[in-house]
């Protein structure tokens, strides 16, 4: 079971949530890094599936292309999925190098 299947409030309050900063705004979120599959390795694909779960009202002005910091590491937002029922955003992100 993915951590994203759990109740959002519980997950964000858990010990494994990390500080997330966007400009002068901050919240806590859960970073989930999925390793590459054997198929991706065979095809030479370099990306992993990295997502960040945050409360939907956490950041004003957040959009695709935005850069935020999770526990001191910079990530660029690639895609934003909103779950209205749980009031959460799942951000598909990539580490900035």
N, C-alpha and C. Protein backbone atom coordinates (compact mmCIF):
# COMPACT_ATOMS: atom_id res chain seq x y z
N UNK A 1 0.84 -1.18 0.00
CA UNK A 1 0.00 0.00 0.00
C UNK A 1 0.89 1.24 0.00
N UNK A 2 0.56 2.18 -0.84
CA UNK A 2 1.30 3.43 -0.91
C UNK A 2 0.94 4.33 0.26
N UNK A 3 1.87 5.17 0.67
CA UNK A 3 1.56 6.14 1.72
C UNK A 3 0.48 7.10 1.26
N UNK A 4 0.28 7.21 -0.06
CA UNK A 4 -0.71 8.13 -0.58
C UNK A 4 -2.12 7.57 -0.50
N UNK A 5 -2.29 6.31 -0.10
CA UNK A 5 -3.61 5.73 0.09
C UNK A 5 -4.15 6.04 1.48
N UNK A 6 -3.32 6.51 2.36
CA UNK A 6 -3.71 6.79 3.74
C UNK A 6 -4.39 8.15 3.85
N UNK A 7 -5.02 8.40 4.98
CA UNK A 7 -5.65 9.68 5.23
C UNK A 7 -4.59 10.78 5.19
N UNK A 8 -4.84 11.84 4.42
CA UNK A 8 -3.84 12.88 4.19
C UNK A 8 -3.41 13.57 5.49
N UNK A 9 -4.34 13.93 6.34
CA UNK A 9 -3.99 14.62 7.60
C UNK A 9 -3.08 13.74 8.45
N UNK A 10 -3.37 12.45 8.50
CA UNK A 10 -2.54 11.52 9.28
C UNK A 10 -1.13 11.45 8.69
N UNK A 11 -1.07 11.32 7.38
CA UNK A 11 0.23 11.18 6.71
C UNK A 11 1.09 12.42 6.91
N UNK A 12 0.49 13.61 6.76
CA UNK A 12 1.27 14.83 6.88
C UNK A 12 1.71 15.11 8.31
N UNK A 13 1.00 14.57 9.28
CA UNK A 13 1.38 14.76 10.68
C UNK A 13 2.38 13.71 11.14
N UNK A 14 2.59 12.70 10.33
CA UNK A 14 3.47 11.59 10.71
C UNK A 14 4.93 12.04 10.78
N UNK A 15 5.71 11.23 11.46
CA UNK A 15 7.13 11.54 11.65
C UNK A 15 7.92 11.58 10.35
N UNK A 16 7.44 10.91 9.32
CA UNK A 16 8.21 10.86 8.08
C UNK A 16 7.90 12.02 7.13
N UNK A 17 7.04 12.97 7.53
CA UNK A 17 6.82 14.14 6.68
C UNK A 17 8.03 15.07 6.80
N UNK A 18 8.27 15.84 5.74
CA UNK A 18 9.45 16.71 5.66
C UNK A 18 9.02 18.16 5.49
N UNK A 19 9.87 19.11 5.91
CA UNK A 19 9.55 20.52 5.68
C UNK A 19 9.64 20.85 4.19
N UNK A 20 8.64 21.59 3.69
CA UNK A 20 8.58 21.99 2.29
C UNK A 20 8.48 23.51 2.25
N UNK A 21 9.33 24.15 1.45
CA UNK A 21 9.36 25.61 1.36
C UNK A 21 9.19 26.04 -0.09
N UNK A 22 8.29 27.02 -0.30
CA UNK A 22 8.07 27.62 -1.62
C UNK A 22 8.08 29.13 -1.41
N UNK A 23 9.17 29.77 -1.81
CA UNK A 23 9.32 31.21 -1.55
C UNK A 23 9.39 31.45 -0.05
N UNK A 24 8.45 32.26 0.46
CA UNK A 24 8.40 32.54 1.90
C UNK A 24 7.37 31.67 2.61
N UNK A 25 6.70 30.79 1.86
CA UNK A 25 5.65 29.93 2.42
C UNK A 25 6.23 28.57 2.78
N UNK A 26 5.69 27.95 3.83
CA UNK A 26 6.17 26.62 4.20
C UNK A 26 5.03 25.75 4.71
N UNK A 27 5.24 24.45 4.60
CA UNK A 27 4.30 23.44 5.08
C UNK A 27 5.09 22.17 5.33
N UNK A 28 4.40 21.07 5.54
CA UNK A 28 5.04 19.76 5.63
C UNK A 28 4.46 18.88 4.53
N UNK A 29 5.27 17.98 4.01
CA UNK A 29 4.82 17.10 2.95
C UNK A 29 5.53 15.77 3.01
N UNK A 30 5.07 14.86 2.18
CA UNK A 30 5.66 13.52 2.13
C UNK A 30 6.22 13.29 0.73
N UNK A 31 7.52 13.04 0.66
CA UNK A 31 8.20 12.78 -0.60
C UNK A 31 8.25 11.28 -0.82
N UNK A 32 7.83 10.84 -2.00
CA UNK A 32 7.81 9.42 -2.33
C UNK A 32 8.62 9.22 -3.60
N UNK A 33 9.75 8.54 -3.49
CA UNK A 33 10.62 8.29 -4.63
C UNK A 33 10.49 6.83 -5.02
N UNK A 34 9.96 6.59 -6.20
CA UNK A 34 9.79 5.22 -6.70
C UNK A 34 11.01 4.84 -7.53
N UNK A 35 11.64 3.72 -7.23
CA UNK A 35 12.81 3.30 -8.02
C UNK A 35 12.40 2.91 -9.43
N UNK A 36 13.37 2.97 -10.32
CA UNK A 36 13.11 2.55 -11.70
C UNK A 36 12.82 1.06 -11.74
N UNK A 37 11.95 0.68 -12.64
CA UNK A 37 11.64 -0.74 -12.81
C UNK A 37 12.71 -1.39 -13.69
N UNK A 38 12.71 -2.70 -13.74
CA UNK A 38 13.65 -3.41 -14.62
C UNK A 38 13.39 -3.03 -16.07
N UNK A 39 12.12 -2.81 -16.42
CA UNK A 39 11.77 -2.42 -17.79
C UNK A 39 12.39 -1.06 -18.12
N UNK A 40 12.28 -0.11 -17.19
CA UNK A 40 12.88 1.21 -17.42
C UNK A 40 14.39 1.10 -17.57
N UNK A 41 15.01 0.25 -16.76
CA UNK A 41 16.46 0.04 -16.87
C UNK A 41 16.81 -0.51 -18.25
N UNK A 42 16.04 -1.49 -18.72
CA UNK A 42 16.30 -2.12 -20.01
C UNK A 42 16.14 -1.11 -21.15
N UNK A 43 15.20 -0.17 -20.99
CA UNK A 43 14.97 0.83 -22.03
C UNK A 43 15.89 2.04 -21.90
N UNK A 44 16.69 2.05 -20.85
CA UNK A 44 17.62 3.16 -20.65
C UNK A 44 16.96 4.43 -20.12
N UNK A 45 15.79 4.31 -19.54
CA UNK A 45 15.09 5.47 -19.00
C UNK A 45 15.78 5.92 -17.71
N UNK A 46 15.99 7.21 -17.56
CA UNK A 46 16.76 7.73 -16.44
C UNK A 46 15.91 8.23 -15.28
N UNK A 47 14.64 8.56 -15.52
CA UNK A 47 13.85 9.18 -14.47
C UNK A 47 13.23 8.17 -13.51
N UNK A 48 13.14 8.58 -12.26
CA UNK A 48 12.37 7.83 -11.29
C UNK A 48 11.05 8.55 -11.13
N UNK A 49 10.08 7.91 -10.52
CA UNK A 49 8.81 8.56 -10.25
C UNK A 49 8.88 9.20 -8.88
N UNK A 50 9.01 10.51 -8.83
CA UNK A 50 9.09 11.21 -7.55
C UNK A 50 7.86 12.08 -7.38
N UNK A 51 7.14 11.87 -6.28
CA UNK A 51 5.96 12.67 -6.00
C UNK A 51 6.06 13.27 -4.61
N UNK A 52 5.33 14.37 -4.42
CA UNK A 52 5.29 15.06 -3.14
C UNK A 52 3.84 15.33 -2.81
N UNK A 53 3.41 14.90 -1.64
CA UNK A 53 2.04 15.11 -1.18
C UNK A 53 2.03 16.27 -0.20
N UNK A 54 1.20 17.30 -0.50
CA UNK A 54 1.08 18.47 0.38
C UNK A 54 -0.39 18.86 0.49
N UNK A 55 -0.76 19.64 1.51
CA UNK A 55 -2.13 20.15 1.59
C UNK A 55 -2.42 21.07 0.41
N UNK A 56 -3.65 21.03 -0.13
CA UNK A 56 -3.95 21.79 -1.34
C UNK A 56 -3.89 23.30 -1.14
N UNK A 57 -4.12 23.78 0.06
CA UNK A 57 -4.10 25.23 0.30
C UNK A 57 -2.75 25.72 0.82
N UNK A 58 -1.72 24.91 0.72
CA UNK A 58 -0.43 25.24 1.33
C UNK A 58 0.27 26.42 0.65
N UNK A 59 0.27 26.46 -0.67
CA UNK A 59 1.07 27.45 -1.38
C UNK A 59 0.25 28.25 -2.38
N UNK A 60 0.37 29.56 -2.31
CA UNK A 60 -0.24 30.45 -3.29
C UNK A 60 0.75 30.62 -4.44
N UNK A 61 0.27 30.49 -5.68
CA UNK A 61 1.12 30.71 -6.84
C UNK A 61 1.89 29.51 -7.33
N UNK A 62 1.70 28.35 -6.72
CA UNK A 62 2.41 27.14 -7.15
C UNK A 62 1.88 26.70 -8.52
N UNK A 63 2.79 26.41 -9.44
CA UNK A 63 2.41 25.98 -10.79
C UNK A 63 3.48 25.06 -11.35
N UNK A 64 3.17 24.41 -12.46
CA UNK A 64 4.18 23.60 -13.15
C UNK A 64 5.37 24.50 -13.47
N UNK A 65 6.56 24.00 -13.23
CA UNK A 65 7.76 24.78 -13.45
C UNK A 65 8.29 25.46 -12.20
N UNK A 66 7.45 25.55 -11.16
CA UNK A 66 7.89 26.15 -9.90
C UNK A 66 8.98 25.30 -9.26
N UNK A 67 9.85 25.94 -8.51
CA UNK A 67 10.89 25.23 -7.77
C UNK A 67 10.61 25.38 -6.29
N UNK A 68 10.63 24.26 -5.57
CA UNK A 68 10.44 24.29 -4.12
C UNK A 68 11.52 23.46 -3.47
N UNK A 69 11.62 23.58 -2.16
CA UNK A 69 12.66 22.88 -1.41
C UNK A 69 12.01 21.91 -0.44
N UNK A 70 12.47 20.67 -0.47
CA UNK A 70 11.99 19.64 0.45
C UNK A 70 13.17 19.17 1.28
N UNK A 71 13.11 19.45 2.56
CA UNK A 71 14.18 19.04 3.48
C UNK A 71 15.56 19.47 2.98
N UNK A 72 15.64 20.69 2.44
CA UNK A 72 16.91 21.24 1.99
C UNK A 72 17.32 20.91 0.56
N UNK A 73 16.52 20.12 -0.17
CA UNK A 73 16.85 19.73 -1.54
C UNK A 73 15.84 20.38 -2.49
N UNK A 74 16.32 20.97 -3.59
CA UNK A 74 15.44 21.65 -4.55
C UNK A 74 14.82 20.68 -5.55
N UNK A 75 13.52 20.88 -5.80
CA UNK A 75 12.77 20.09 -6.77
C UNK A 75 11.97 21.02 -7.66
N UNK A 76 11.85 20.67 -8.94
CA UNK A 76 11.01 21.42 -9.86
C UNK A 76 9.70 20.66 -10.07
N UNK A 77 8.59 21.39 -10.01
CA UNK A 77 7.28 20.79 -10.20
C UNK A 77 7.06 20.53 -11.68
N UNK A 78 6.74 19.29 -12.03
CA UNK A 78 6.47 18.90 -13.42
C UNK A 78 4.97 18.87 -13.72
N UNK A 79 4.21 18.40 -12.73
CA UNK A 79 2.75 18.23 -12.91
C UNK A 79 2.10 18.29 -11.54
N UNK A 80 0.86 18.81 -11.52
CA UNK A 80 0.12 18.92 -10.26
C UNK A 80 -1.21 18.20 -10.40
N UNK A 81 -1.48 17.26 -9.50
CA UNK A 81 -2.77 16.56 -9.44
C UNK A 81 -3.44 16.95 -8.13
N UNK A 82 -4.71 17.39 -8.22
CA UNK A 82 -5.44 17.78 -7.01
C UNK A 82 -6.50 16.75 -6.68
N UNK A 83 -6.56 16.36 -5.41
CA UNK A 83 -7.62 15.48 -4.90
C UNK A 83 -8.50 16.35 -4.02
N UNK A 84 -9.64 16.77 -4.58
CA UNK A 84 -10.54 17.70 -3.89
C UNK A 84 -11.08 17.08 -2.60
N UNK A 85 -11.41 15.80 -2.64
CA UNK A 85 -11.99 15.14 -1.46
C UNK A 85 -11.04 15.14 -0.27
N UNK A 86 -9.78 14.91 -0.51
CA UNK A 86 -8.82 14.85 0.60
C UNK A 86 -8.10 16.18 0.82
N UNK A 87 -8.43 17.18 0.00
CA UNK A 87 -7.80 18.50 0.09
C UNK A 87 -6.28 18.40 0.05
N UNK A 88 -5.80 17.64 -0.93
CA UNK A 88 -4.35 17.43 -1.06
C UNK A 88 -3.92 17.59 -2.51
N UNK A 89 -2.66 17.95 -2.67
CA UNK A 89 -2.04 18.01 -3.99
C UNK A 89 -0.96 16.94 -4.06
N UNK A 90 -0.91 16.24 -5.18
CA UNK A 90 0.21 15.36 -5.46
C UNK A 90 1.02 16.06 -6.54
N UNK A 91 2.23 16.42 -6.20
CA UNK A 91 3.11 17.09 -7.13
C UNK A 91 4.09 16.08 -7.71
N UNK A 92 4.17 16.02 -9.03
CA UNK A 92 5.17 15.19 -9.70
C UNK A 92 6.38 16.10 -9.88
N UNK A 93 7.48 15.74 -9.26
CA UNK A 93 8.64 16.63 -9.20
C UNK A 93 9.90 15.94 -9.70
N UNK A 94 10.89 16.76 -10.03
CA UNK A 94 12.21 16.26 -10.42
C UNK A 94 13.27 17.04 -9.66
N UNK A 95 14.27 16.35 -9.17
CA UNK A 95 15.35 17.00 -8.42
C UNK A 95 16.10 17.96 -9.34
N UNK A 96 16.38 19.15 -8.82
CA UNK A 96 17.16 20.14 -9.56
C UNK A 96 18.63 19.88 -9.30
N UNK A 97 19.39 19.72 -10.40
CA UNK A 97 20.82 19.46 -10.25
C UNK A 97 21.64 20.62 -10.72
